Amino acid sequence: MFRVERDSLDSDFRVVLAPPNRWPFGAIGIDETDVIDQLYDFLAAVDLAERAGCFKATDGQARDYILENVPTRPSDSLFNAYGYRIERSGVNLKPNLRLKVERAYFSSSERSDKNYLGVSDAIFDVTSDTESSLRFKQAQPIQYAPTTLAQTDREGSRDLGILDLKPQRHYRILFYAHHIPTDQSFSAALIGLNDSDRLDQFEHFMRADANASCASPNHDDVQCLEFRGFVTVSVQIPIELNGQPKFVDWGTEVKNVVPIKFSESLKIQRQFANSYFDVTFERSDPSILDLALVGGDRLSW
């Protein structure tokens, strides 16, 4: 379903993707998981070709260009932008995104209302350096509620280990909740590598073994940080609402930020190939409200 071929009219390469009527989103009689695996095998081959110098300078972005062009439902825009699908449970991080780490604290191992002490929030910006490698910067000091919790906290400070991770071309958040038994103390992991194909392999390893962890042997080349305890890790994306910048949790849909009564005057712009384009949709079709927002989206009404 996916291939790279020479253009018959010149020496450029042409990327051929599966057409919408064969792509598994809504198609009948096609194993969706099998086709997704085909796509990732294809992306791995593209990564190899890119590293071998087969393409003009794309700065390691050939995979992103392909994903942006894969036809999907409006609710699946997280796949186009960040390669996210629930069965793979990984989100590719990009500059200008944020990571929010929220921890709850209890006076004993029994997690109940009577033992609840409070919560802490830590926010980290995803940035890039001159070599297009991703780094993490603390956006604000850890916030505690109540503030007295800061005097006894021994867990939240471990999250600052994000700042010690080495710059890598690719970083990804894995959400363990989709594939790790509930009795494990893992919530998520942050993994990074310069090689996106190798990163796919490591993610597959983590998903395949419920006992896998950052401490597993033979993975010294991987930047890996686990989040343990009663903790939630979420990705936040920057959007613009009527000209005002705002960060929202990834997975936020149009209907979560636009009043329904203004949907008829709604205008949406999205970045593609470093330029903004209008998102066109039928005014009479309410499915636009299910559009999952991605970083950089502009909405006005």
Protein backbone atom coordinates (compact mmCIF):
# COMPACT_ATOMS: atom_id res chain seq x y z
CA MET A 1 0.00 0.00 0.00
CA PHE A 2 2.99 2.31 0.48
CA ARG A 3 6.01 2.83 -1.71
CA VAL A 4 8.62 5.30 -2.93
CA GLU A 5 9.32 5.44 -6.65
CA ARG A 6 11.08 7.62 -9.16
CA ASP A 7 8.92 10.16 -10.92
CA SER A 8 8.71 9.17 -14.59
CA LEU A 9 9.13 12.77 -15.76
CA ASP A 10 12.21 13.73 -13.75
CA SER A 11 14.62 12.45 -11.14
CA ASP A 12 12.50 13.33 -8.11
CA PHE A 13 11.06 10.73 -5.78
CA ARG A 14 7.33 10.20 -5.47
CA VAL A 15 5.75 8.85 -2.28
CA VAL A 16 2.67 6.70 -2.97
CA LEU A 17 0.20 6.31 -0.09
CA ALA A 18 -2.88 4.17 0.25
CA PRO A 19 -5.98 5.95 -1.14
CA PRO A 20 -8.83 6.76 1.26
CA ASN A 21 -11.01 3.90 -0.01
CA ARG A 22 -8.30 1.36 0.91
CA TRP A 23 -7.02 3.01 4.06
CA PRO A 24 -8.35 1.18 7.14
CA PHE A 25 -10.16 4.13 8.74
CA GLY A 26 -13.69 3.11 7.84
CA ALA A 27 -12.72 0.57 5.15
CA ILE A 28 -14.44 -2.82 5.20
CA GLY A 29 -12.64 -6.15 5.12
CA ILE A 30 -9.17 -4.77 5.93
CA ASP A 31 -7.19 -5.63 9.04
CA GLU A 32 -6.44 -2.17 10.42
CA THR A 33 -3.57 -3.34 12.62
CA ASP A 34 -1.91 -5.08 9.66
CA VAL A 35 -2.04 -1.96 7.51
CA ILE A 36 -0.72 0.20 10.36
CA ASP A 37 2.20 -2.23 10.68
CA GLN A 38 2.76 -1.91 6.91
CA LEU A 39 2.89 1.86 7.27
CA TYR A 40 5.46 1.74 10.09
CA ASP A 41 7.61 -0.74 8.15
CA PHE A 42 7.47 1.69 5.24
CA LEU A 43 8.40 4.63 7.48
CA ALA A 44 11.37 2.63 8.82
CA ALA A 45 12.55 2.06 5.24
CA VAL A 46 12.17 5.78 4.50
CA ASP A 47 14.27 6.56 7.59
CA LEU A 48 17.04 4.28 6.29
CA ALA A 49 16.90 5.87 2.83
CA GLU A 50 17.02 9.34 4.32
CA ARG A 51 20.06 8.52 6.46
CA ALA A 52 21.73 7.08 3.34
CA GLY A 53 21.34 10.46 1.61
CA CYS A 54 18.76 9.35 -0.97
CA PHE A 55 16.67 12.51 -0.58
CA LYS A 56 17.39 16.19 -0.70
CA ALA A 57 17.95 17.80 2.68
CA THR A 58 14.76 17.18 4.67
CA ASP A 59 16.40 17.62 8.08
CA GLY A 60 15.06 14.30 9.31
CA GLN A 61 11.46 15.25 8.60
CA ALA A 62 10.53 12.84 5.79
CA ARG A 63 8.54 10.70 8.24
CA ASP A 64 6.58 13.74 9.44
CA TYR A 65 5.82 14.86 5.88
CA ILE A 66 4.40 11.42 5.07
CA LEU A 67 2.30 11.19 8.22
CA GLU A 68 0.85 14.65 7.57
CA ASN A 69 -0.39 13.44 4.18
CA VAL A 70 -2.00 10.19 5.30
CA PRO A 71 -5.81 10.57 4.94
CA THR A 72 -7.61 10.15 8.26
CA ARG A 73 -10.86 10.98 9.96
CA PRO A 74 -11.02 14.41 11.61
CA SER A 75 -10.90 12.75 15.04
CA ASP A 76 -7.61 11.06 14.09
CA SER A 77 -5.52 14.19 13.50
CA LEU A 78 -3.29 13.18 16.42
CA PHE A 79 -2.02 10.38 14.20
CA ASN A 80 -1.10 12.78 11.40
CA ALA A 81 0.62 15.26 13.73
CA TYR A 82 2.20 13.04 16.38
CA GLY A 83 1.95 9.44 15.15
CA TYR A 84 -0.39 8.55 18.02
CA ARG A 85 -2.62 5.48 17.97
CA ILE A 86 -3.95 3.87 21.13
CA GLU A 87 -2.50 0.43 20.36
CA ARG A 88 0.98 1.99 20.02
CA SER A 89 0.37 4.43 22.87
CA GLY A 90 3.23 6.75 21.95
CA VAL A 91 3.18 10.48 21.23
CA ASN A 92 6.04 11.99 19.20
CA LEU A 93 7.12 15.22 20.84
CA LYS A 94 7.85 18.37 18.85
CA PRO A 95 9.14 21.85 19.70
CA ASN A 96 6.62 24.16 21.40
CA LEU A 97 4.73 21.32 23.06
CA ARG A 98 4.59 21.01 26.83
CA LEU A 99 4.70 18.14 29.29
CA LYS A 100 2.61 18.41 32.44
CA VAL A 101 3.40 16.06 35.32
CA GLU A 102 0.74 15.97 38.03
CA ARG A 103 1.20 13.98 41.25
CA ALA A 104 -1.20 13.18 44.02
CA TYR A 105 0.08 12.57 47.57
CA PHE A 106 -1.32 10.36 50.33
CA SER A 107 -0.32 9.81 53.95
CA SER A 108 -0.18 6.02 53.49
CA SER A 109 -0.19 3.39 50.76
CA GLU A 110 -3.99 3.34 50.97
CA ARG A 111 -5.23 5.89 48.46
CA SER A 112 -8.46 7.31 49.81
CA ASP A 113 -10.01 10.69 50.49
CA LYS A 114 -9.12 10.54 54.18
CA ASN A 115 -5.43 9.97 53.36
CA TYR A 116 -5.23 12.56 50.59
CA LEU A 117 -2.59 15.25 51.23
CA GLY A 118 -2.54 17.32 48.05
CA VAL A 119 -1.16 17.59 44.53
CA SER A 120 1.86 18.97 42.66
CA ASP A 121 2.21 20.20 39.08
CA ALA A 122 5.43 20.41 37.07
CA ILE A 123 5.47 21.80 33.52
CA PHE A 124 8.28 21.40 30.99
CA ASP A 125 8.59 23.06 27.56
CA VAL A 126 9.85 21.02 24.61
CA THR A 127 12.48 23.08 22.78
CA SER A 128 15.01 22.44 20.01
CA ASP A 129 18.65 23.42 19.62
CA THR A 130 20.61 24.53 16.55
CA GLU A 131 21.04 20.88 15.48
CA SER A 132 17.26 20.25 15.64
CA SER A 133 17.64 18.04 18.70
CA LEU A 134 14.91 18.17 21.35
CA ARG A 135 15.59 19.48 24.85
CA PHE A 136 13.41 20.10 27.90
CA LYS A 137 13.14 23.32 29.87
CA GLN A 138 11.27 23.81 33.12
CA ALA A 139 8.48 26.31 32.47
CA GLN A 140 7.87 27.15 36.14
CA PRO A 141 8.82 25.92 39.61
CA ILE A 142 6.86 22.92 40.87
CA GLN A 143 3.49 24.14 42.11
CA TYR A 144 2.07 22.55 45.29
CA ALA A 145 -1.46 22.63 46.66
CA PRO A 146 -1.41 23.16 49.54
CA THR A 147 1.91 25.03 49.49
CA THR A 148 3.02 23.32 52.75
CA LEU A 149 3.34 20.09 50.76
CA ALA A 150 6.63 21.39 49.35
CA GLN A 151 8.26 20.94 52.77
CA THR A 152 7.77 17.16 52.79
CA ASP A 153 7.74 16.23 49.10
CA ARG A 154 10.29 13.61 48.06
CA GLU A 155 8.62 12.45 44.84
CA GLY A 156 7.96 15.50 42.66
CA SER A 157 11.62 16.48 42.63
CA ARG A 158 12.41 13.20 40.83
CA ASP A 159 10.50 14.50 37.82
CA LEU A 160 13.21 17.13 37.38
CA GLY A 161 15.25 14.27 35.93
CA ILE A 162 13.68 15.36 32.62
CA LEU A 163 16.18 18.22 32.60
CA ASP A 164 19.11 15.77 32.72
CA LEU A 165 18.08 13.88 29.55
CA LYS A 166 20.51 14.29 26.67
CA PRO A 167 19.33 16.12 23.52
CA GLN A 168 17.95 13.70 20.91
CA ARG A 169 16.38 14.14 17.47
CA HIS A 170 13.31 12.21 18.59
CA TYR A 171 11.52 11.97 21.93
CA ARG A 172 8.32 10.10 22.62
CA ILE A 173 5.94 9.73 25.56
CA LEU A 174 4.68 6.18 26.18
CA PHE A 175 1.47 5.85 28.15
CA TYR A 176 1.75 2.61 30.11
CA ALA A 177 -1.93 2.56 31.07
CA HIS A 178 -2.80 0.91 27.75
CA HIS A 179 -0.61 -2.15 28.19
CA ILE A 180 0.81 -2.41 31.72
CA PRO A 181 -1.04 -4.33 34.49
CA THR A 182 -2.76 -2.05 36.98
CA ASP A 183 -0.67 -3.39 39.86
CA GLN A 184 2.46 -1.86 38.35
CA SER A 185 3.57 1.52 39.68
CA PHE A 186 4.35 2.89 36.19
CA SER A 187 2.27 5.61 34.61
CA ALA A 188 4.35 6.72 31.61
CA ALA A 189 7.86 6.85 30.22
CA LEU A 190 9.77 9.44 28.22
CA ILE A 191 12.10 7.81 25.67
CA GLY A 192 14.49 9.42 23.20
CA LEU A 193 16.87 8.48 20.38
CA ASN A 194 18.41 10.08 17.31
CA ASP A 195 17.21 7.13 15.19
CA SER A 196 13.39 7.05 14.82
CA ASP A 197 13.44 3.43 13.52
CA ARG A 198 15.39 2.34 16.60
CA LEU A 199 12.92 4.28 18.75
CA ASP A 200 10.06 2.32 17.15
CA GLN A 201 11.87 -0.91 18.06
CA PHE A 202 12.36 0.17 21.66
CA GLU A 203 8.71 1.17 21.97
CA HIS A 204 7.71 -2.25 20.61
CA PHE A 205 9.94 -3.87 23.24
CA MET A 206 8.30 -1.84 26.01
CA ARG A 207 4.80 -2.67 24.78
CA ALA A 208 5.49 -6.38 24.32
CA ASP A 209 6.82 -7.04 27.84
CA ALA A 210 4.72 -6.01 30.84
CA ASN A 211 7.87 -6.14 33.00
CA ALA A 212 9.96 -3.96 30.70
CA SER A 213 11.40 -0.77 32.14
CA CYS A 214 14.06 1.83 31.53
CA ALA A 215 16.41 -0.37 33.58
CA SER A 216 16.11 -3.26 31.13
CA PRO A 217 19.52 -4.39 29.77
CA ASN A 218 20.89 -3.80 26.28
CA HIS A 219 19.28 -0.38 25.88
CA ASP A 220 22.11 1.89 26.98
CA ASP A 221 21.68 4.00 23.85
CA VAL A 222 18.13 5.02 24.78
CA GLN A 223 17.34 8.09 26.85
CA CYS A 224 14.61 6.78 29.15
CA LEU A 225 12.82 8.23 32.18
CA GLU A 226 9.93 6.51 33.96
CA PHE A 227 7.20 8.19 35.95
CA ARG A 228 6.28 6.07 38.96
CA GLY A 229 3.69 6.44 41.68
CA PHE A 230 0.29 8.12 41.62
CA VAL A 231 1.18 10.40 38.70
CA THR A 232 -0.39 11.59 35.47
CA VAL A 233 1.72 12.76 32.53
CA SER A 234 -0.02 14.70 29.77
CA VAL A 235 1.03 16.51 26.60
CA GLN A 236 -0.17 20.07 26.08
CA ILE A 237 -0.37 21.79 22.70
CA PRO A 238 -0.34 25.52 21.85
CA ILE A 239 -3.39 26.82 19.95
CA GLU A 240 -4.86 30.24 19.23
CA LEU A 241 -8.45 31.16 20.10
CA ASN A 242 -9.66 34.43 18.57
CA GLY A 243 -6.08 35.67 18.50
CA GLN A 244 -5.28 34.65 22.08
CA PRO A 245 -2.59 31.97 22.62
CA LYS A 246 -3.51 29.11 24.93
CA PHE A 247 -2.19 25.68 25.93
CA VAL A 248 -4.70 22.82 26.01
CA ASP A 249 -4.36 19.11 26.69
CA TRP A 250 -3.66 17.00 23.62
CA GLY A 251 -6.81 15.24 22.46
CA THR A 252 -8.86 18.42 22.97
CA GLU A 253 -11.53 18.69 20.25
CA VAL A 254 -13.09 21.74 18.62
CA LYS A 255 -16.28 21.31 20.64
CA ASN A 256 -14.24 21.62 23.87
CA VAL A 257 -13.05 25.17 23.09
CA VAL A 258 -15.68 26.72 20.78
CA PRO A 259 -19.19 27.58 22.01
CA ILE A 260 -21.71 25.59 19.97
CA LYS A 261 -23.72 28.71 19.18
CA PHE A 262 -20.73 30.14 17.28
CA SER A 263 -19.99 27.04 15.21
CA GLU A 264 -21.65 28.54 12.10
CA SER A 265 -19.10 31.37 12.00
CA LEU A 266 -16.17 29.12 12.89
CA LYS A 267 -12.91 29.42 10.94
CA ILE A 268 -10.02 26.99 11.45
CA GLN A 269 -6.48 27.31 10.12
CA ARG A 270 -3.85 24.58 10.34
CA GLN A 271 -0.14 24.50 9.51
CA PHE A 272 1.07 22.36 6.63
CA ALA A 273 4.59 22.50 5.19
CA ASN A 274 5.34 25.56 7.37
CA SER A 275 2.37 27.58 6.03
CA TYR A 276 -1.17 28.09 7.27
CA PHE A 277 -4.19 26.88 5.30
CA ASP A 278 -7.93 27.11 5.90
CA VAL A 279 -9.61 23.89 6.98
CA THR A 280 -12.65 23.53 4.71
CA PHE A 281 -15.79 21.79 5.94
CA GLU A 282 -19.52 21.67 5.29
CA ARG A 283 -21.30 24.11 7.56
CA SER A 284 -24.23 21.73 7.84
CA ASP A 285 -22.01 18.84 9.01
CA PRO A 286 -21.47 18.87 12.80
CA SER A 287 -18.55 16.40 12.57
CA ILE A 288 -16.13 19.34 12.46
CA LEU A 289 -16.76 19.63 16.19
CA ASP A 290 -15.01 16.25 16.61
CA LEU A 291 -11.81 17.51 14.99
CA ALA A 292 -8.89 16.79 17.34
CA LEU A 293 -6.74 19.92 17.62
CA VAL A 294 -3.00 19.87 17.01
CA GLY A 295 -0.28 22.34 17.95
CA GLY A 296 -0.44 25.64 16.10
CA ASP A 297 -4.15 25.44 15.16
CA ARG A 298 -5.89 28.82 14.88
CA LEU A 299 -9.61 29.07 15.60
CA SER A 300 -11.78 32.16 15.31
CA TRP A 301 -15.51 32.86 15.43
